[in-house]
PDB file of all heavy atoms in Angstrom:
ATOM      1  N   VAL A   1     -99.097 -73.939 -99.382  1.00  0.00           N
ATOM      2  CA  VAL A   1     -99.012 -74.601 -97.969  1.00  0.00           C
ATOM      3  C   VAL A   1     -97.889 -75.668 -98.029  1.00  0.00           C
ATOM      4  O   VAL A   1     -97.103 -75.831 -97.174  1.00  0.00           O
ATOM      5  CB  VAL A   1    -100.363 -75.210 -97.563  1.00  0.00           C
ATOM      6  CG1 VAL A   1    -100.090 -76.066 -96.258  1.00  0.00           C
ATOM      7  CG2 VAL A   1    -101.342 -74.140 -97.355  1.00  0.00           C
ATOM      8  N   ASN A   2     -97.838 -76.459 -99.208  1.00  0.00           N
ATOM      9  CA  ASN A   2     -97.017 -77.664 -99.232  1.00  0.00           C
ATOM     10  C   ASN A   2     -95.697 -77.454 -99.958  1.00  0.00           C
ATOM     11  O   ASN A   2     -94.707 -78.180 -99.712  1.00  0.00           O
ATOM     12  CB  ASN A   2     -97.742 -78.811 -99.752  1.00  0.00           C
ATOM     13  CG  ASN A   2     -98.978 -79.213 -98.946  1.00  0.00           C
ATOM     14  OD1 ASN A   2     -98.818 -79.752 -97.919  1.00  0.00           O
ATOM     15  ND2 ASN A   2    -100.160 -78.733 -99.366  1.00  0.00           N
ATOM     16  N   HIS A   3     -95.676 -76.636-100.894  1.00  0.00           N
ATOM     17  CA  HIS A   3     -94.481 -76.432-101.798  1.00  0.00           C
ATOM     18  C   HIS A   3     -94.403 -74.879-102.139  1.00  0.00           C
ATOM     19  O   HIS A   3     -94.692 -74.534-103.293  1.00  0.00           O
ATOM     20  CB  HIS A   3     -94.597 -77.304-103.094  1.00  0.00           C
ATOM     21  CG  HIS A   3     -94.775 -78.696-102.870  1.00  0.00           C
ATOM     22  ND1 HIS A   3     -93.754 -79.609-102.707  1.00  0.00           N
ATOM     23  CD2 HIS A   3     -95.957 -79.399-102.779  1.00  0.00           C
ATOM     24  CE1 HIS A   3     -94.257 -80.853-102.525  1.00  0.00           C
ATOM     25  NE2 HIS A   3     -95.593 -80.754-102.636  1.00  0.00           N
ATOM     26  N   TYR A   4     -93.940 -74.060-101.218  1.00  0.00           N
ATOM     27  CA  TYR A   4     -93.952 -72.709-101.395  1.00  0.00           C
ATOM     28  C   TYR A   4     -93.134 -72.217-102.632  1.00  0.00           C
ATOM     29  O   TYR A   4     -93.655 -71.383-103.315  1.00  0.00           O
ATOM     30  CB  TYR A   4     -93.417 -71.947-100.185  1.00  0.00           C
ATOM     31  CG  TYR A   4     -93.598 -70.493-100.320  1.00  0.00           C
ATOM     32  CD1 TYR A   4     -94.914 -69.827-100.161  1.00  0.00           C
ATOM     33  CD2 TYR A   4     -92.503 -69.626-100.721  1.00  0.00           C
ATOM     34  CE1 TYR A   4     -95.065 -68.498-100.353  1.00  0.00           C
ATOM     35  CE2 TYR A   4     -92.690 -68.361-100.929  1.00  0.00           C
ATOM     36  CZ  TYR A   4     -94.004 -67.729-100.715  1.00  0.00           C
ATOM     37  OH  TYR A   4     -94.167 -66.375-101.014  1.00  0.00           O
ATOM     38  N   ASN A   5     -91.901 -72.653-102.774  1.00  0.00           N
ATOM     39  CA  ASN A   5     -91.126 -72.143-103.911  1.00  0.00           C
ATOM     40  C   ASN A   5     -91.854 -72.490-105.275  1.00  0.00           C
ATOM     41  O   ASN A   5     -91.832 -71.686-106.265  1.00  0.00           O
ATOM     42  CB  ASN A   5     -89.798 -72.873-103.978  1.00  0.00           C
ATOM     43  CG  ASN A   5     -88.726 -72.053-103.315  1.00  0.00           C
ATOM     44  OD1 ASN A   5     -89.052 -70.977-102.749  1.00  0.00           O
ATOM     45  ND2 ASN A   5     -87.531 -72.525-103.038  1.00  0.00           N
ATOM     46  N   LEU A   6     -92.513 -73.712-105.327  1.00  0.00           N
ATOM     47  CA  LEU A   6     -93.239 -74.047-106.573  1.00  0.00           C
ATOM     48  C   LEU A   6     -94.540 -73.207-106.680  1.00  0.00           C
ATOM     49  O   LEU A   6     -94.860 -72.829-107.803  1.00  0.00           O
ATOM     50  CB  LEU A   6     -93.667 -75.542-106.442  1.00  0.00           C
ATOM     51  CG  LEU A   6     -94.208 -76.224-107.684  1.00  0.00           C
ATOM     52  CD1 LEU A   6     -93.201 -76.215-108.818  1.00  0.00           C
ATOM     53  CD2 LEU A   6     -94.552 -77.739-107.345  1.00  0.00           C
ATOM     54  N   TYR A   7     -95.181 -72.844-105.570  1.00  0.00           N
ATOM     55  CA  TYR A   7     -96.253 -71.931-105.567  1.00  0.00           C
ATOM     56  C   TYR A   7     -95.819 -70.575-106.183  1.00  0.00           C
ATOM     57  O   TYR A   7     -96.508 -70.058-107.016  1.00  0.00           O
ATOM     58  CB  TYR A   7     -96.751 -71.761-104.185  1.00  0.00           C
ATOM     59  CG  TYR A   7     -97.654 -70.526-103.993  1.00  0.00           C
ATOM     60  CD1 TYR A   7     -98.933 -70.490-104.541  1.00  0.00           C
ATOM     61  CD2 TYR A   7     -97.082 -69.414-103.191  1.00  0.00           C
ATOM     62  CE1 TYR A   7     -99.731 -69.310-104.332  1.00  0.00           C
ATOM     63  CE2 TYR A   7     -97.949 -68.283-103.112  1.00  0.00           C
ATOM     64  CZ  TYR A   7     -99.181 -68.237-103.656  1.00  0.00           C
ATOM     65  OH  TYR A   7     -99.998 -67.091-103.516  1.00  0.00           O
ATOM     66  N   LEU A   8     -94.736 -70.042-105.645  1.00  0.00           N
ATOM     67  CA  LEU A   8     -94.262 -68.769-106.134  1.00  0.00           C
ATOM     68  C   LEU A   8     -93.877 -68.814-107.656  1.00  0.00           C
ATOM     69  O   LEU A   8     -94.200 -67.900-108.412  1.00  0.00           O
ATOM     70  CB  LEU A   8     -93.007 -68.361-105.302  1.00  0.00           C
ATOM     71  CG  LEU A   8     -92.517 -66.891-105.519  1.00  0.00           C
ATOM     72  CD1 LEU A   8     -93.636 -65.853-105.247  1.00  0.00           C
ATOM     73  CD2 LEU A   8     -91.317 -66.605-104.682  1.00  0.00           C
ATOM     74  N   CYS A   9     -93.276 -69.891-108.042  1.00  0.00           N
ATOM     75  CA  CYS A   9     -92.867 -70.126-109.461  1.00  0.00           C
ATOM     76  C   CYS A   9     -94.171 -70.150-110.329  1.00  0.00           C
ATOM     77  O   CYS A   9     -94.258 -69.418-111.373  1.00  0.00           O
ATOM     78  CB  CYS A   9     -92.155 -71.424-109.642  1.00  0.00           C
ATOM     79  SG  CYS A   9     -91.766 -71.794-111.377  1.00  0.00           S
ATOM     80  N   ALA A  10     -95.173 -70.867-109.924  1.00  0.00           N
ATOM     81  CA  ALA A  10     -96.408 -71.031-110.649  1.00  0.00           C
ATOM     82  C   ALA A  10     -97.140 -69.671-110.684  1.00  0.00           C
ATOM     83  O   ALA A  10     -97.770 -69.259-111.763  1.00  0.00           O
ATOM     84  CB  ALA A  10     -97.331 -72.058-110.005  1.00  0.00           C
ATOM     85  N   LEU A  11     -97.087 -68.908-109.595  1.00  0.00           N
ATOM     86  CA  LEU A  11     -97.742 -67.626-109.566  1.00  0.00           C
ATOM     87  C   LEU A  11     -97.103 -66.640-110.515  1.00  0.00           C
ATOM     88  O   LEU A  11     -97.798 -65.849-111.162  1.00  0.00           O
ATOM     89  CB  LEU A  11     -97.664 -67.056-108.082  1.00  0.00           C
ATOM     90  CG  LEU A  11     -98.720 -66.032-107.675  1.00  0.00           C
ATOM     91  CD1 LEU A  11    -100.055 -66.529-107.833  1.00  0.00           C
ATOM     92  CD2 LEU A  11     -98.454 -65.499-106.323  1.00  0.00           C
ATOM     93  N   ILE A  12     -95.778 -66.698-110.563  1.00  0.00           N
ATOM     94  CA  ILE A  12     -95.036 -65.767-111.552  1.00  0.00           C
ATOM     95  C   ILE A  12     -95.331 -66.191-112.939  1.00  0.00           C
ATOM     96  O   ILE A  12     -95.523 -65.392-113.860  1.00  0.00           O
ATOM     97  CB  ILE A  12     -93.550 -65.785-111.210  1.00  0.00           C
ATOM     98  CG1 ILE A  12     -93.340 -65.238-109.792  1.00  0.00           C
ATOM     99  CG2 ILE A  12     -92.860 -64.956-112.297  1.00  0.00           C
ATOM    100  CD1 ILE A  12     -91.871 -65.327-109.332  1.00  0.00           C
ATOM    101  N   THR A  13     -95.308 -67.511-113.238  1.00  0.00           N
ATOM    102  CA  THR A  13     -95.546 -68.094-114.523  1.00  0.00           C
ATOM    103  C   THR A  13     -96.956 -67.654-115.007  1.00  0.00           C
ATOM    104  O   THR A  13     -97.138 -67.275-116.166  1.00  0.00           O
ATOM    105  CB  THR A  13     -95.498 -69.609-114.494  1.00  0.00           C
ATOM    106  OG1 THR A  13     -94.145 -70.030-114.040  1.00  0.00           O
ATOM    107  CG2 THR A  13     -95.724 -70.197-115.856  1.00  0.00           C
ATOM    108  N   TYR A  14     -97.915 -67.741-114.115  1.00  0.00           N
ATOM    109  CA  TYR A  14     -99.219 -67.318-114.420  1.00  0.00           C
ATOM    110  C   TYR A  14     -99.382 -65.810-114.515  1.00  0.00           C
ATOM    111  O   TYR A  14    -100.058 -65.251-115.546  1.00  0.00           O
ATOM    112  CB  TYR A  14    -100.237 -67.849-113.364  1.00  0.00           C
ATOM    113  CG  TYR A  14    -101.712 -67.438-113.635  1.00  0.00           C
ATOM    114  CD1 TYR A  14    -102.560 -68.052-114.539  1.00  0.00           C
ATOM    115  CD2 TYR A  14    -102.252 -66.380-112.890  1.00  0.00           C
ATOM    116  CE1 TYR A  14    -103.847 -67.652-114.803  1.00  0.00           C
ATOM    117  CE2 TYR A  14    -103.557 -65.927-113.055  1.00  0.00           C
ATOM    118  CZ  TYR A  14    -104.396 -66.654-113.989  1.00  0.00           C
ATOM    119  OH  TYR A  14    -105.671 -66.255-114.208  1.00  0.00           O
ATOM    120  N   GLY A  15     -98.934 -65.079-113.615  1.00  0.00           N
ATOM    121  CA  GLY A  15     -99.196 -63.599-113.551  1.00  0.00           C
ATOM    122  C   GLY A  15     -98.311 -62.809-114.461  1.00  0.00           C
ATOM    123  O   GLY A  15     -98.747 -61.720-114.941  1.00  0.00           O
ATOM    124  N   CYS A  16     -97.134 -63.379-114.910  1.00  0.00           N
ATOM    125  CA  CYS A  16     -96.192 -62.558-115.695  1.00  0.00           C
ATOM    126  C   CYS A  16     -95.910 -63.282-117.051  1.00  0.00           C
ATOM    127  O   CYS A  16     -95.240 -62.751-117.867  1.00  0.00           O
ATOM    128  CB  CYS A  16     -94.877 -62.328-115.002  1.00  0.00           C
ATOM    129  SG  CYS A  16     -95.026 -61.418-113.520  1.00  0.00           S
ATOM    130  N   LEU A  17     -96.473 -64.439-117.224  1.00  0.00           N
ATOM    131  CA  LEU A  17     -96.362 -65.264-118.437  1.00  0.00           C
ATOM    132  C   LEU A  17     -94.866 -65.528-118.716  1.00  0.00           C
ATOM    133  O   LEU A  17     -94.446 -65.633-119.951  1.00  0.00           O
ATOM    134  CB  LEU A  17     -97.001 -64.619-119.663  1.00  0.00           C
ATOM    135  CG  LEU A  17     -98.499 -64.723-119.727  1.00  0.00           C
ATOM    136  CD1 LEU A  17     -99.128 -63.655-118.837  1.00  0.00           C
ATOM    137  CD2 LEU A  17     -99.027 -64.528-121.067  1.00  0.00           C
ATOM    138  N   LEU A  18     -94.061 -65.665-117.694  1.00  0.00           N
ATOM    139  CA  LEU A  18     -92.597 -66.044-117.945  1.00  0.00           C
ATOM    140  C   LEU A  18     -92.541 -67.626-117.908  1.00  0.00           C
ATOM    141  O   LEU A  18     -93.367 -68.250-117.443  1.00  0.00           O
ATOM    142  CB  LEU A  18     -91.704 -65.465-116.862  1.00  0.00           C
ATOM    143  CG  LEU A  18     -91.632 -63.915-116.722  1.00  0.00           C
ATOM    144  CD1 LEU A  18     -90.700 -63.536-115.572  1.00  0.00           C
ATOM    145  CD2 LEU A  18     -91.077 -63.407-118.077  1.00  0.00           C
ATOM    146  N   ARG A  19     -91.433 -68.056-118.550  1.00  0.00           N
ATOM    147  CA  ARG A  19     -91.202 -69.493-118.600  1.00  0.00           C
ATOM    148  C   ARG A  19     -90.593 -69.968-117.333  1.00  0.00           C
ATOM    149  O   ARG A  19     -89.553 -69.434-116.918  1.00  0.00           O
ATOM    150  CB  ARG A  19     -90.339 -69.853-119.845  1.00  0.00           C
ATOM    151  CG  ARG A  19     -90.932 -69.436-121.182  1.00  0.00           C
ATOM    152  CD  ARG A  19     -90.006 -69.527-122.304  1.00  0.00           C
ATOM    153  NE  ARG A  19     -90.578 -69.173-123.560  1.00  0.00           N
ATOM    154  CZ  ARG A  19     -90.800 -67.925-124.045  1.00  0.00           C
ATOM    155  NH1 ARG A  19     -90.362 -66.881-123.318  1.00  0.00           N
ATOM    156  NH2 ARG A  19     -91.359 -67.741-125.191  1.00  0.00           N
ATOM    157  N   PRO A  20     -91.160 -70.955-116.753  1.00  0.00           N
ATOM    158  CA  PRO A  20     -90.762 -71.429-115.372  1.00  0.00           C
ATOM    159  C   PRO A  20     -89.369 -71.920-115.157  1.00  0.00           C
ATOM    160  O   PRO A  20     -88.687 -71.559-114.262  1.00  0.00           O
ATOM    161  CB  PRO A  20     -91.799 -72.481-115.025  1.00  0.00           C
ATOM    162  CG  PRO A  20     -92.296 -73.027-116.306  1.00  0.00           C
ATOM    163  CD  PRO A  20     -92.265 -71.903-117.247  1.00  0.00           C
ATOM    164  N   HIS A  21     -88.947 -72.825-116.061  1.00  0.00           N
ATOM    165  CA  HIS A  21     -87.621 -73.461-115.799  1.00  0.00           C
ATOM    166  C   HIS A  21     -86.377 -72.591-116.018  1.00  0.00           C
ATOM    167  O   HIS A  21     -85.310 -73.003-115.487  1.00  0.00           O
ATOM    168  CB  HIS A  21     -87.590 -74.717-116.661  1.00  0.00           C
ATOM    169  CG  HIS A  21     -88.641 -75.677-116.394  1.00  0.00           C
ATOM    170  ND1 HIS A  21     -88.792 -76.281-115.205  1.00  0.00           N
ATOM    171  CD2 HIS A  21     -89.683 -76.101-117.118  1.00  0.00           C
ATOM    172  CE1 HIS A  21     -89.921 -77.059-115.175  1.00  0.00           C
ATOM    173  NE2 HIS A  21     -90.444 -77.002-116.392  1.00  0.00           N
ATOM    174  N   GLN A  22     -86.477 -71.619-116.772  1.00  0.00           N
ATOM    175  CA  GLN A  22     -85.299 -70.682-116.926  1.00  0.00           C
ATOM    176  C   GLN A  22     -85.553 -69.266-116.527  1.00  0.00           C
ATOM    177  O   GLN A  22     -84.866 -68.824-115.623  1.00  0.00           O
ATOM    178  CB  GLN A  22     -84.889 -70.702-118.413  1.00  0.00           C
ATOM    179  CG  GLN A  22     -84.334 -72.070-118.885  1.00  0.00           C
ATOM    180  CD  GLN A  22     -83.110 -72.502-118.115  1.00  0.00           C
ATOM    181  OE1 GLN A  22     -82.220 -71.738-117.901  1.00  0.00           O
ATOM    182  NE2 GLN A  22     -83.123 -73.765-117.727  1.00  0.00           N
ATOM    183  N   GLU A  23     -86.513 -68.648-117.130  1.00  0.00           N
ATOM    184  CA  GLU A  23     -86.736 -67.186-116.878  1.00  0.00           C
ATOM    185  C   GLU A  23     -87.106 -67.011-115.402  1.00  0.00           C
ATOM    186  O   GLU A  23     -86.673 -66.062-114.752  1.00  0.00           O
ATOM    187  CB  GLU A  23     -87.825 -66.635-117.792  1.00  0.00           C
ATOM    188  CG  GLU A  23     -87.363 -66.685-119.305  1.00  0.00           C
ATOM    189  CD  GLU A  23     -88.467 -66.389-120.205  1.00  0.00           C
ATOM    190  OE1 GLU A  23     -89.659 -66.368-119.855  1.00  0.00           O
ATOM    191  OE2 GLU A  23     -88.170 -66.216-121.452  1.00  0.00           O
ATOM    192  N   VAL A  24     -88.053 -67.817-114.881  1.00  0.00           N
ATOM    193  CA  VAL A  24     -88.544 -67.653-113.551  1.00  0.00           C
ATOM    194  C   VAL A  24     -87.480 -68.212-112.569  1.00  0.00           C
ATOM    195  O   VAL A  24     -87.106 -67.497-111.520  1.00  0.00           O
ATOM    196  CB  VAL A  24     -89.858 -68.370-113.286  1.00  0.00           C
ATOM    197  CG1 VAL A  24     -90.258 -68.339-111.805  1.00  0.00           C
ATOM    198  CG2 VAL A  24     -90.915 -67.818-114.161  1.00  0.00           C
ATOM    199  N   ARG A  25     -86.952 -69.400-112.772  1.00  0.00           N
ATOM    200  CA  ARG A  25     -85.932 -69.996-111.872  1.00  0.00           C
ATOM    201  C   ARG A  25     -84.789 -69.113-111.476  1.00  0.00           C
ATOM    202  O   ARG A  25     -84.240 -69.090-110.379  1.00  0.00           O
ATOM    203  CB  ARG A  25     -85.492 -71.360-112.319  1.00  0.00           C
ATOM    204  CG  ARG A  25     -84.532 -72.080-111.490  1.00  0.00           C
ATOM    205  CD  ARG A  25     -84.101 -73.429-112.162  1.00  0.00           C
ATOM    206  NE  ARG A  25     -83.523 -73.294-113.420  1.00  0.00           N
ATOM    207  CZ  ARG A  25     -82.204 -73.033-113.719  1.00  0.00           C
ATOM    208  NH1 ARG A  25     -81.415 -72.939-112.616  1.00  0.00           N
ATOM    209  NH2 ARG A  25     -81.727 -72.895-114.928  1.00  0.00           N
ATOM    210  N   GLN A  26     -84.294 -68.366-112.510  1.00  0.00           N
ATOM    211  CA  GLN A  26     -83.116 -67.556-112.323  1.00  0.00           C
ATOM    212  C   GLN A  26     -83.373 -66.131-111.901  1.00  0.00           C
ATOM    213  O   GLN A  26     -82.457 -65.259-111.915  1.00  0.00           O
ATOM    214  CB  GLN A  26     -82.307 -67.530-113.671  1.00  0.00           C
ATOM    215  CG  GLN A  26     -81.949 -69.051-113.988  1.00  0.00           C
ATOM    216  CD  GLN A  26     -80.980 -69.074-115.238  1.00  0.00           C
ATOM    217  OE1 GLN A  26     -79.791 -69.019-115.060  1.00  0.00           O
ATOM    218  NE2 GLN A  26     -81.618 -69.263-116.436  1.00  0.00           N
ATOM    219  N   LEU A  27     -84.631 -65.828-111.550  1.00  0.00           N
ATOM    220  CA  LEU A  27     -84.906 -64.409-111.170  1.00  0.00           C
ATOM    221  C   LEU A  27     -84.118 -63.963-109.887  1.00  0.00           C
ATOM    222  O   LEU A  27     -84.084 -64.841-108.951  1.00  0.00           O
ATOM    223  CB  LEU A  27     -86.447 -64.289-110.907  1.00  0.00           C
ATOM    224  CG  LEU A  27     -87.343 -64.130-112.066  1.00  0.00           C
ATOM    225  CD1 LEU A  27     -88.806 -64.054-111.758  1.00  0.00           C
ATOM    226  CD2 LEU A  27     -86.970 -62.912-112.971  1.00  0.00           C
ATOM    227  N   LYS A  28     -83.672 -62.807-109.942  1.00  0.00           N
ATOM    228  CA  LYS A  28     -82.970 -62.241-108.767  1.00  0.00           C
ATOM    229  C   LYS A  28     -83.623 -60.908-108.338  1.00  0.00           C
ATOM    230  O   LYS A  28     -84.399 -60.381-109.074  1.00  0.00           O
ATOM    231  CB  LYS A  28     -81.475 -61.945-109.146  1.00  0.00           C
ATOM    232  CG  LYS A  28     -80.725 -63.216-109.539  1.00  0.00           C
ATOM    233  CD  LYS A  28     -79.287 -62.847-109.902  1.00  0.00           C
ATOM    234  CE  LYS A  28     -78.468 -64.052-110.293  1.00  0.00           C
ATOM    235  NZ  LYS A  28     -77.109 -63.720-110.713  1.00  0.00           N
ATOM    236  N   LEU A  29     -83.272 -60.522-107.238  1.00  0.00           N
ATOM    237  CA  LEU A  29     -83.870 -59.254-106.708  1.00  0.00           C
ATOM    238  C   LEU A  29     -83.609 -58.022-107.627  1.00  0.00           C
ATOM    239  O   LEU A  29     -84.436 -57.174-107.769  1.00  0.00           O
ATOM    240  CB  LEU A  29     -83.263 -58.892-105.324  1.00  0.00           C
ATOM    241  CG  LEU A  29     -83.947 -57.799-104.489  1.00  0.00           C
ATOM    242  CD1 LEU A  29     -85.396 -58.180-104.208  1.00  0.00           C
ATOM    243  CD2 LEU A  29     -83.197 -57.649-103.192  1.00  0.00           C
ATOM    244  N   LYS A  30     -82.471 -58.072-108.320  1.00  0.00           N
ATOM    245  CA  LYS A  30     -82.085 -57.007-109.262  1.00  0.00           C
ATOM    246  C   LYS A  30     -83.092 -56.935-110.460  1.00  0.00           C
ATOM    247  O   LYS A  30     -83.150 -55.881-111.128  1.00  0.00           O
ATOM    248  CB  LYS A  30     -80.687 -57.151-109.754  1.00  0.00           C
ATOM    249  CG  LYS A  30     -80.440 -58.307-110.655  1.00  0.00           C
ATOM    250  CD  LYS A  30     -78.984 -58.354-111.123  1.00  0.00           C
ATOM    251  CE  LYS A  30     -78.791 -59.538-112.116  1.00  0.00           C
ATOM    252  NZ  LYS A  30     -77.317 -59.569-112.516  1.00  0.00           N
ATOM    253  N   HIS A  31     -83.762 -58.032-110.775  1.00  0.00           N
ATOM    254  CA  HIS A  31     -84.667 -57.980-111.888  1.00  0.00           C
ATOM    255  C   HIS A  31     -85.987 -57.413-111.531  1.00  0.00           C
ATOM    256  O   HIS A  31     -86.780 -57.161-112.406  1.00  0.00           O
ATOM    257  CB  HIS A  31     -84.918 -59.492-112.336  1.00  0.00           C
ATOM    258  CG  HIS A  31     -83.709 -60.177-112.855  1.00  0.00           C
ATOM    259  ND1 HIS A  31     -83.251 -61.340-112.388  1.00  0.00           N
ATOM    260  CD2 HIS A  31     -82.847 -59.799-113.816  1.00  0.00           C
ATOM    261  CE1 HIS A  31     -82.132 -61.705-113.042  1.00  0.00           C
ATOM    262  NE2 HIS A  31     -81.870 -60.760-113.905  1.00  0.00           N
ATOM    263  N   ILE A  32     -86.235 -57.230-110.299  1.00  0.00           N
ATOM    264  CA  ILE A  32     -87.558 -56.683-109.834  1.00  0.00           C
ATOM    265  C   ILE A  32     -87.361 -55.196-109.437  1.00  0.00           C
ATOM    266  O   ILE A  32     -86.503 -54.820-108.721  1.00  0.00           O
ATOM    267  CB  ILE A  32     -88.123 -57.490-108.648  1.00  0.00           C
ATOM    268  CG1 ILE A  32     -88.151 -58.950-109.025  1.00  0.00           C
ATOM    269  CG2 ILE A  32     -89.445 -56.978-108.155  1.00  0.00           C
ATOM    270  CD1 ILE A  32     -88.493 -59.918-107.836  1.00  0.00           C
ATOM    271  N   SER A  33     -88.276 -54.366-109.970  1.00  0.00           N
ATOM    272  CA  SER A  33     -88.166 -52.921-109.641  1.00  0.00           C
ATOM    273  C   SER A  33     -88.378 -52.677-108.111  1.00  0.00           C
ATOM    274  O   SER A  33     -88.978 -53.602-107.449  1.00  0.00           O
ATOM    275  CB  SER A  33     -89.172 -52.121-110.432  1.00  0.00           C
ATOM    276  OG  SER A  33     -90.525 -52.597-110.177  1.00  0.00           O
ATOM    277  N   LYS A  34     -87.915 -51.548-107.674  1.00  0.00           N
ATOM    278  CA  LYS A  34     -88.012 -51.251-106.120  1.00  0.00           C
ATOM    279  C   LYS A  34     -89.376 -51.311-105.678  1.00  0.00           C
ATOM    280  O   LYS A  34     -89.618 -51.641-104.460  1.00  0.00           O
ATOM    281  CB  LYS A  34     -87.227 -50.017-105.862  1.00  0.00           C
ATOM    282  CG  LYS A  34     -85.772 -50.045-106.002  1.00  0.00           C
ATOM    283  CD  LYS A  34     -84.976 -48.832-105.681  1.00  0.00           C
ATOM    284  CE  LYS A  34     -83.505 -48.958-105.825  1.00  0.00           C
ATOM    285  NZ  LYS A  34     -82.783 -47.744-105.433  1.00  0.00           N
TER     286      LYS A  34
END
């Protein structure tokens, strides 16, 4: 509700075990399968 980008980052960090400040922050559409 209050910090959506941070929410999405936390959700990916938790769900995919990626590191938030580099691996998650730099994710692009091309990194995600169709």
